[in-house]
Amino acid sequence: MGQQQILLILLVTVIVGIATVVAINTMSSTLQQNNIDAVRVDLSVIAAQMQSYYQKPRGMGGGSKSFVGITFEKIAFQADSIDATGMLARNGNAIFKIESATNAEVVLTAQPRTGPVMTFEDLSNSEITQLAEVRLSEVVMRYQIE
């Protein structure tokens, strides 16, 4: 009888251990997907603010039908920190970077905080990069997994 109880305890311990590992992996995957979704929302908000900047006259702080000169400060993006150039911004979800701005288009990249903490100096810690191309008529988003 004692051996059966020990085997039963051992079996239950193994099953609980496997269930715990599966639950942790599922939770990690869910957290990563939630972060990616939050970054997608942030990119949509930034894109809408940039389209508004494009429409406003220069006298009102806009771009007068151009994206040239746009920064995160000019669109009043709610960020935890913005670097000195205004081209990099960080919030709880990601680091956002204005890659380029022309008269007709702005290219943004975002690196979700799904991995180690990222800094403005080292943007290579994330496996997923989200890219948004903002034009007056549309916003195109792509996701790259490295």
N, C-alpha and C. Protein backbone atom coordinates (compact mmCIF):
# COMPACT_ATOMS: atom_id res chain seq x y z
N MET A 1 0.82 -1.19 0.00
CA MET A 1 0.00 0.00 0.00
C MET A 1 0.86 1.26 0.00
N GLY A 2 1.97 1.26 0.70
CA GLY A 2 2.84 2.42 0.78
C GLY A 2 3.47 2.76 -0.55
N GLN A 3 3.82 1.74 -1.34
CA GLN A 3 4.42 2.00 -2.64
C GLN A 3 3.41 2.63 -3.60
N GLN A 4 2.17 2.17 -3.52
CA GLN A 4 1.13 2.75 -4.39
C GLN A 4 0.92 4.22 -4.07
N GLN A 5 0.93 4.56 -2.80
CA GLN A 5 0.75 5.96 -2.40
C GLN A 5 1.92 6.82 -2.87
N ILE A 6 3.13 6.30 -2.77
CA ILE A 6 4.31 7.04 -3.23
C ILE A 6 4.25 7.24 -4.73
N LEU A 7 3.87 6.18 -5.46
CA LEU A 7 3.74 6.30 -6.92
C LEU A 7 2.64 7.29 -7.29
N LEU A 8 1.54 7.26 -6.57
CA LEU A 8 0.44 8.19 -6.83
C LEU A 8 0.88 9.62 -6.56
N ILE A 9 1.59 9.86 -5.48
CA ILE A 9 2.10 11.21 -5.16
C ILE A 9 3.07 11.66 -6.24
N LEU A 10 3.94 10.77 -6.67
CA LEU A 10 4.90 11.08 -7.72
C LEU A 10 4.20 11.42 -9.03
N LEU A 11 3.19 10.65 -9.38
CA LEU A 11 2.42 10.89 -10.61
C LEU A 11 1.69 12.23 -10.54
N VAL A 12 1.08 12.53 -9.42
CA VAL A 12 0.38 13.80 -9.26
C VAL A 12 1.37 14.96 -9.34
N THR A 13 2.54 14.82 -8.74
CA THR A 13 3.56 15.86 -8.79
C THR A 13 4.01 16.12 -10.22
N VAL A 14 4.22 15.07 -10.99
CA VAL A 14 4.63 15.23 -12.39
C VAL A 14 3.53 15.91 -13.20
N ILE A 15 2.29 15.50 -13.00
CA ILE A 15 1.17 16.10 -13.74
C ILE A 15 1.02 17.58 -13.39
N VAL A 16 1.11 17.91 -12.11
CA VAL A 16 1.01 19.32 -11.70
C VAL A 16 2.17 20.12 -12.26
N GLY A 17 3.36 19.56 -12.29
CA GLY A 17 4.53 20.25 -12.86
C GLY A 17 4.34 20.53 -14.34
N ILE A 18 3.86 19.54 -15.08
CA ILE A 18 3.61 19.74 -16.52
C ILE A 18 2.53 20.79 -16.74
N ALA A 19 1.47 20.73 -15.96
CA ALA A 19 0.39 21.72 -16.08
C ALA A 19 0.90 23.13 -15.78
N THR A 20 1.79 23.26 -14.80
CA THR A 20 2.35 24.57 -14.46
C THR A 20 3.19 25.12 -15.60
N VAL A 21 4.02 24.28 -16.21
CA VAL A 21 4.85 24.72 -17.33
C VAL A 21 3.98 25.15 -18.51
N VAL A 22 2.95 24.39 -18.81
CA VAL A 22 2.03 24.74 -19.90
C VAL A 22 1.33 26.07 -19.59
N ALA A 23 0.90 26.27 -18.36
CA ALA A 23 0.22 27.51 -17.98
C ALA A 23 1.16 28.71 -18.10
N ILE A 24 2.41 28.55 -17.69
CA ILE A 24 3.38 29.65 -17.79
C ILE A 24 3.63 30.01 -19.25
N ASN A 25 3.79 29.01 -20.11
CA ASN A 25 4.00 29.27 -21.53
C ASN A 25 2.79 29.96 -22.16
N THR A 26 1.61 29.52 -21.81
CA THR A 26 0.39 30.14 -22.33
C THR A 26 0.28 31.59 -21.86
N MET A 27 0.57 31.83 -20.59
CA MET A 27 0.50 33.18 -20.04
C MET A 27 1.51 34.09 -20.71
N SER A 28 2.72 33.61 -20.94
CA SER A 28 3.75 34.40 -21.60
C SER A 28 3.33 34.77 -23.01
N SER A 29 2.78 33.82 -23.73
CA SER A 29 2.31 34.06 -25.09
C SER A 29 1.18 35.09 -25.10
N THR A 30 0.28 34.99 -24.15
CA THR A 30 -0.83 35.93 -24.05
C THR A 30 -0.34 37.33 -23.73
N LEU A 31 0.61 37.45 -22.82
CA LEU A 31 1.17 38.76 -22.48
C LEU A 31 1.85 39.40 -23.69
N GLN A 32 2.59 38.59 -24.45
CA GLN A 32 3.25 39.11 -25.64
C GLN A 32 2.23 39.60 -26.67
N GLN A 33 1.18 38.83 -26.89
CA GLN A 33 0.15 39.22 -27.85
C GLN A 33 -0.59 40.48 -27.38
N ASN A 34 -0.85 40.58 -26.08
CA ASN A 34 -1.49 41.78 -25.54
C ASN A 34 -0.62 43.01 -25.75
N ASN A 35 0.69 42.86 -25.57
CA ASN A 35 1.60 43.97 -25.80
C ASN A 35 1.61 44.39 -27.26
N ILE A 36 1.62 43.41 -28.16
CA ILE A 36 1.59 43.72 -29.59
C ILE A 36 0.30 44.45 -29.95
N ASP A 37 -0.81 44.01 -29.38
CA ASP A 37 -2.09 44.68 -29.64
C ASP A 37 -2.08 46.12 -29.11
N ALA A 38 -1.49 46.32 -27.94
CA ALA A 38 -1.42 47.67 -27.38
C ALA A 38 -0.55 48.57 -28.25
N VAL A 39 0.54 48.03 -28.79
CA VAL A 39 1.40 48.81 -29.69
C VAL A 39 0.65 49.15 -30.97
N ARG A 40 -0.15 48.22 -31.46
CA ARG A 40 -0.96 48.48 -32.66
C ARG A 40 -1.92 49.65 -32.40
N VAL A 41 -2.52 49.69 -31.23
CA VAL A 41 -3.41 50.80 -30.87
C VAL A 41 -2.62 52.10 -30.79
N ASP A 42 -1.44 52.05 -30.14
CA ASP A 42 -0.60 53.25 -30.05
C ASP A 42 -0.22 53.76 -31.44
N LEU A 43 0.15 52.85 -32.34
CA LEU A 43 0.51 53.27 -33.70
C LEU A 43 -0.68 53.90 -34.42
N SER A 44 -1.87 53.39 -34.18
CA SER A 44 -3.06 53.98 -34.79
C SER A 44 -3.31 55.39 -34.26
N VAL A 45 -3.11 55.57 -32.96
CA VAL A 45 -3.28 56.91 -32.37
C VAL A 45 -2.23 57.87 -32.93
N ILE A 46 -0.98 57.43 -32.99
CA ILE A 46 0.09 58.26 -33.53
C ILE A 46 -0.22 58.61 -34.98
N ALA A 47 -0.65 57.64 -35.77
CA ALA A 47 -0.97 57.88 -37.18
C ALA A 47 -2.07 58.92 -37.32
N ALA A 48 -3.11 58.83 -36.50
CA ALA A 48 -4.19 59.82 -36.57
C ALA A 48 -3.68 61.21 -36.20
N GLN A 49 -2.82 61.29 -35.18
CA GLN A 49 -2.26 62.59 -34.79
C GLN A 49 -1.37 63.15 -35.90
N MET A 50 -0.64 62.28 -36.57
CA MET A 50 0.23 62.74 -37.67
C MET A 50 -0.60 63.21 -38.87
N GLN A 51 -1.70 62.54 -39.13
CA GLN A 51 -2.56 62.99 -40.21
C GLN A 51 -3.18 64.35 -39.88
N SER A 52 -3.48 64.57 -38.61
CA SER A 52 -3.99 65.87 -38.17
C SER A 52 -2.91 66.94 -38.33
N TYR A 53 -1.67 66.61 -37.96
CA TYR A 53 -0.55 67.54 -38.13
C TYR A 53 -0.41 67.93 -39.61
N TYR A 54 -0.53 66.96 -40.50
CA TYR A 54 -0.42 67.19 -41.94
C TYR A 54 -1.45 68.23 -42.41
N GLN A 55 -2.65 68.16 -41.88
CA GLN A 55 -3.74 69.04 -42.32
C GLN A 55 -3.64 70.46 -41.77
N LYS A 56 -3.07 70.63 -40.58
CA LYS A 56 -3.03 71.95 -39.95
C LYS A 56 -2.06 72.89 -40.64
N PRO A 57 -2.41 74.18 -40.69
CA PRO A 57 -1.47 75.17 -41.23
C PRO A 57 -0.28 75.35 -40.28
N ARG A 58 0.84 75.82 -40.82
CA ARG A 58 2.04 76.03 -40.00
C ARG A 58 1.78 76.99 -38.84
N GLY A 59 0.96 77.99 -39.08
CA GLY A 59 0.65 78.96 -38.03
C GLY A 59 -0.04 78.34 -36.83
N MET A 60 -0.65 77.20 -37.01
CA MET A 60 -1.32 76.50 -35.92
C MET A 60 -0.52 75.31 -35.42
N GLY A 61 0.75 75.23 -35.82
CA GLY A 61 1.62 74.16 -35.36
C GLY A 61 1.55 72.90 -36.20
N GLY A 62 1.06 73.03 -37.42
CA GLY A 62 0.94 71.87 -38.29
C GLY A 62 2.00 71.84 -39.37
N GLY A 63 1.78 70.97 -40.33
CA GLY A 63 2.76 70.78 -41.39
C GLY A 63 2.38 71.42 -42.71
N SER A 64 1.18 72.02 -42.81
CA SER A 64 0.73 72.66 -44.06
C SER A 64 0.87 71.70 -45.25
N LYS A 65 0.18 70.56 -45.16
CA LYS A 65 0.15 69.56 -46.23
C LYS A 65 1.51 68.88 -46.43
N SER A 66 2.27 68.70 -45.34
CA SER A 66 3.56 68.02 -45.41
C SER A 66 3.84 67.36 -44.06
N PHE A 67 4.53 66.23 -44.10
CA PHE A 67 4.96 65.56 -42.87
C PHE A 67 6.38 65.96 -42.48
N VAL A 68 7.07 66.73 -43.32
CA VAL A 68 8.46 67.12 -43.06
C VAL A 68 8.53 67.91 -41.76
N GLY A 69 9.48 67.56 -40.90
CA GLY A 69 9.68 68.27 -39.64
C GLY A 69 8.84 67.75 -38.49
N ILE A 70 8.10 66.68 -38.70
CA ILE A 70 7.24 66.16 -37.65
C ILE A 70 8.07 65.49 -36.56
N THR A 71 7.69 65.71 -35.31
CA THR A 71 8.33 65.05 -34.16
C THR A 71 7.22 64.62 -33.21
N PHE A 72 7.59 63.82 -32.23
CA PHE A 72 6.59 63.38 -31.25
C PHE A 72 6.09 64.54 -30.40
N GLU A 73 6.93 65.56 -30.18
CA GLU A 73 6.48 66.72 -29.42
C GLU A 73 5.42 67.51 -30.19
N LYS A 74 5.55 67.58 -31.50
CA LYS A 74 4.62 68.36 -32.32
C LYS A 74 3.25 67.71 -32.43
N ILE A 75 3.18 66.40 -32.21
CA ILE A 75 1.88 65.75 -32.28
C ILE A 75 1.33 65.46 -30.89
N ALA A 76 2.03 65.89 -29.86
CA ALA A 76 1.59 65.74 -28.47
C ALA A 76 1.33 64.29 -28.11
N PHE A 77 2.24 63.40 -28.49
CA PHE A 77 2.11 61.98 -28.16
C PHE A 77 2.36 61.80 -26.67
N GLN A 78 1.47 61.09 -26.00
CA GLN A 78 1.60 60.84 -24.57
C GLN A 78 2.65 59.75 -24.35
N ALA A 79 3.86 60.17 -24.08
CA ALA A 79 4.96 59.23 -23.90
C ALA A 79 5.56 59.41 -22.52
N ASP A 80 6.17 58.34 -22.02
CA ASP A 80 6.89 58.45 -20.75
C ASP A 80 8.14 59.29 -20.92
N SER A 81 8.79 59.17 -22.08
CA SER A 81 9.96 59.99 -22.38
C SER A 81 10.11 60.13 -23.89
N ILE A 82 10.64 61.28 -24.29
CA ILE A 82 10.93 61.57 -25.69
C ILE A 82 12.38 62.04 -25.72
N ASP A 83 13.16 61.52 -26.67
CA ASP A 83 14.57 61.90 -26.71
C ASP A 83 14.72 63.35 -27.19
N ALA A 84 15.93 63.86 -27.14
CA ALA A 84 16.19 65.28 -27.44
C ALA A 84 15.82 65.65 -28.87
N THR A 85 15.93 64.71 -29.82
CA THR A 85 15.61 65.02 -31.21
C THR A 85 14.11 65.01 -31.47
N GLY A 86 13.34 64.38 -30.59
CA GLY A 86 11.90 64.27 -30.79
C GLY A 86 11.52 63.13 -31.73
N MET A 87 12.51 62.38 -32.17
CA MET A 87 12.26 61.30 -33.13
C MET A 87 12.05 59.94 -32.46
N LEU A 88 12.40 59.81 -31.20
CA LEU A 88 12.20 58.57 -30.44
C LEU A 88 11.33 58.86 -29.24
N ALA A 89 10.34 58.00 -29.01
CA ALA A 89 9.47 58.14 -27.85
C ALA A 89 9.27 56.77 -27.23
N ARG A 90 9.09 56.76 -25.91
CA ARG A 90 8.87 55.51 -25.20
C ARG A 90 7.64 55.66 -24.31
N ASN A 91 6.83 54.61 -24.30
CA ASN A 91 5.78 54.52 -23.30
C ASN A 91 5.83 53.11 -22.72
N GLY A 92 4.84 52.73 -21.95
CA GLY A 92 4.86 51.41 -21.32
C GLY A 92 4.75 50.25 -22.28
N ASN A 93 4.40 50.51 -23.52
CA ASN A 93 4.19 49.44 -24.49
C ASN A 93 5.37 49.21 -25.42
N ALA A 94 6.07 50.28 -25.81
CA ALA A 94 7.10 50.13 -26.84
C ALA A 94 7.97 51.37 -26.91
N ILE A 95 8.99 51.27 -27.75
CA ILE A 95 9.76 52.43 -28.19
C ILE A 95 9.37 52.69 -29.63
N PHE A 96 8.98 53.92 -29.91
CA PHE A 96 8.53 54.32 -31.23
C PHE A 96 9.59 55.22 -31.85
N LYS A 97 9.82 55.05 -33.15
CA LYS A 97 10.83 55.85 -33.84
C LYS A 97 10.26 56.35 -35.15
N ILE A 98 10.45 57.63 -35.40
CA ILE A 98 10.12 58.20 -36.70
C ILE A 98 11.32 57.94 -37.60
N GLU A 99 11.17 57.02 -38.53
CA GLU A 99 12.28 56.64 -39.41
C GLU A 99 12.53 57.69 -40.48
N SER A 100 11.47 58.16 -41.10
CA SER A 100 11.61 59.17 -42.15
C SER A 100 10.30 59.93 -42.30
N ALA A 101 10.42 61.15 -42.81
CA ALA A 101 9.24 61.98 -43.04
C ALA A 101 9.45 62.77 -44.32
N THR A 102 8.54 62.61 -45.25
CA THR A 102 8.58 63.36 -46.50
C THR A 102 7.31 64.19 -46.59
N ASN A 103 7.13 64.88 -47.71
CA ASN A 103 5.90 65.65 -47.88
C ASN A 103 4.67 64.77 -47.79
N ALA A 104 4.76 63.54 -48.33
CA ALA A 104 3.57 62.70 -48.46
C ALA A 104 3.50 61.52 -47.49
N GLU A 105 4.58 61.24 -46.75
CA GLU A 105 4.59 59.99 -45.98
C GLU A 105 5.51 60.08 -44.77
N VAL A 106 5.10 59.40 -43.69
CA VAL A 106 5.94 59.22 -42.51
C VAL A 106 6.08 57.71 -42.30
N VAL A 107 7.29 57.26 -41.99
CA VAL A 107 7.51 55.85 -41.67
C VAL A 107 7.89 55.76 -40.21
N LEU A 108 7.12 54.98 -39.45
CA LEU A 108 7.34 54.77 -38.02
C LEU A 108 7.71 53.32 -37.77
N THR A 109 8.56 53.09 -36.79
CA THR A 109 8.76 51.73 -36.32
C THR A 109 8.49 51.70 -34.83
N ALA A 110 8.05 50.55 -34.36
CA ALA A 110 7.80 50.35 -32.94
C ALA A 110 8.35 49.01 -32.54
N GLN A 111 9.03 48.98 -31.41
CA GLN A 111 9.52 47.71 -30.88
C GLN A 111 8.83 47.46 -29.54
N PRO A 112 7.92 46.49 -29.53
CA PRO A 112 7.18 46.19 -28.29
C PRO A 112 8.11 45.76 -27.16
N ARG A 113 7.67 46.02 -25.97
CA ARG A 113 8.45 45.63 -24.79
C ARG A 113 8.09 44.20 -24.39
N THR A 114 8.28 43.27 -25.30
CA THR A 114 7.95 41.88 -25.03
C THR A 114 9.14 41.08 -24.54
N GLY A 115 10.31 41.66 -24.63
CA GLY A 115 11.52 40.98 -24.19
C GLY A 115 12.19 41.78 -23.11
N PRO A 116 13.52 41.78 -23.12
CA PRO A 116 14.26 42.58 -22.14
C PRO A 116 13.96 44.07 -22.30
N VAL A 117 14.18 44.82 -21.26
CA VAL A 117 13.93 46.26 -21.30
C VAL A 117 14.80 46.89 -22.38
N MET A 118 14.19 47.72 -23.21
CA MET A 118 14.92 48.37 -24.30
C MET A 118 15.29 49.78 -23.88
N THR A 119 16.34 50.29 -24.47
CA THR A 119 16.74 51.67 -24.25
C THR A 119 16.78 52.37 -25.59
N PHE A 120 16.85 53.68 -25.58
CA PHE A 120 16.94 54.43 -26.83
C PHE A 120 18.22 54.04 -27.58
N GLU A 121 19.27 53.70 -26.84
CA GLU A 121 20.54 53.38 -27.48
C GLU A 121 20.55 51.98 -28.09
N ASP A 122 19.83 51.05 -27.49
CA ASP A 122 19.84 49.66 -27.96
C ASP A 122 18.42 49.22 -28.29
N LEU A 123 18.07 49.30 -29.55
CA LEU A 123 16.73 48.92 -29.98
C LEU A 123 16.68 47.48 -30.49
N SER A 124 17.70 46.70 -30.24
CA SER A 124 17.78 45.37 -30.83
C SER A 124 17.31 44.26 -29.91
N ASN A 125 16.74 44.59 -28.76
CA ASN A 125 16.36 43.55 -27.81
C ASN A 125 15.04 42.87 -28.12
N SER A 126 14.29 43.37 -29.07
CA SER A 126 12.98 42.80 -29.35
C SER A 126 13.03 41.93 -30.59
N GLU A 127 12.23 40.87 -30.60
CA GLU A 127 12.15 40.00 -31.76
C GLU A 127 11.14 40.50 -32.77
N ILE A 128 10.23 41.37 -32.35
CA ILE A 128 9.15 41.81 -33.22
C ILE A 128 9.30 43.30 -33.47
N THR A 129 9.24 43.70 -34.71
CA THR A 129 9.26 45.11 -35.07
C THR A 129 7.96 45.41 -35.81
N GLN A 130 7.29 46.46 -35.42
CA GLN A 130 6.08 46.87 -36.10
C GLN A 130 6.39 48.12 -36.90
N LEU A 131 5.96 48.14 -38.13
CA LEU A 131 6.23 49.25 -39.04
C LEU A 131 4.91 49.85 -39.47
N ALA A 132 4.80 51.16 -39.41
CA ALA A 132 3.60 51.85 -39.88
C ALA A 132 4.01 52.91 -40.88
N GLU A 133 3.36 52.92 -42.03
CA GLU A 133 3.56 53.97 -43.02
C GLU A 133 2.29 54.82 -43.00
N VAL A 134 2.45 56.09 -42.70
CA VAL A 134 1.32 57.00 -42.56
C VAL A 134 1.27 57.92 -43.77
N ARG A 135 0.14 57.94 -44.43
CA ARG A 135 -0.13 58.89 -45.50
C ARG A 135 -1.44 59.57 -45.13
N LEU A 136 -1.77 60.62 -45.83
CA LEU A 136 -3.03 61.29 -45.51
C LEU A 136 -4.21 60.36 -45.73
N SER A 137 -4.17 59.57 -46.77
CA SER A 137 -5.32 58.74 -47.11
C SER A 137 -5.33 57.37 -46.44
N GLU A 138 -4.19 56.91 -45.90
CA GLU A 138 -4.16 55.56 -45.34
C GLU A 138 -3.03 55.39 -44.34
N VAL A 139 -3.14 54.31 -43.57
CA VAL A 139 -2.09 53.89 -42.67
C VAL A 139 -1.85 52.41 -42.95
N VAL A 140 -0.61 52.06 -43.29
CA VAL A 140 -0.26 50.68 -43.59
C VAL A 140 0.63 50.17 -42.47
N MET A 141 0.24 49.06 -41.84
CA MET A 141 1.02 48.49 -40.75
C MET A 141 1.52 47.10 -41.14
N ARG A 142 2.79 46.84 -40.82
CA ARG A 142 3.39 45.53 -41.07
C ARG A 142 4.13 45.10 -39.81
N TYR A 143 4.27 43.81 -39.65
CA TYR A 143 4.96 43.26 -38.48
C TYR A 143 6.06 42.33 -38.97
N GLN A 144 7.24 42.50 -38.44
CA GLN A 144 8.37 41.66 -38.80
C GLN A 144 8.82 40.92 -37.55
N ILE A 145 9.02 39.63 -37.68
CA ILE A 145 9.54 38.84 -36.56
C ILE A 145 10.94 38.40 -36.95
N GLU A 146 11.89 38.76 -36.12
CA GLU A 146 13.29 38.45 -36.41
C GLU A 146 13.70 37.15 -35.73
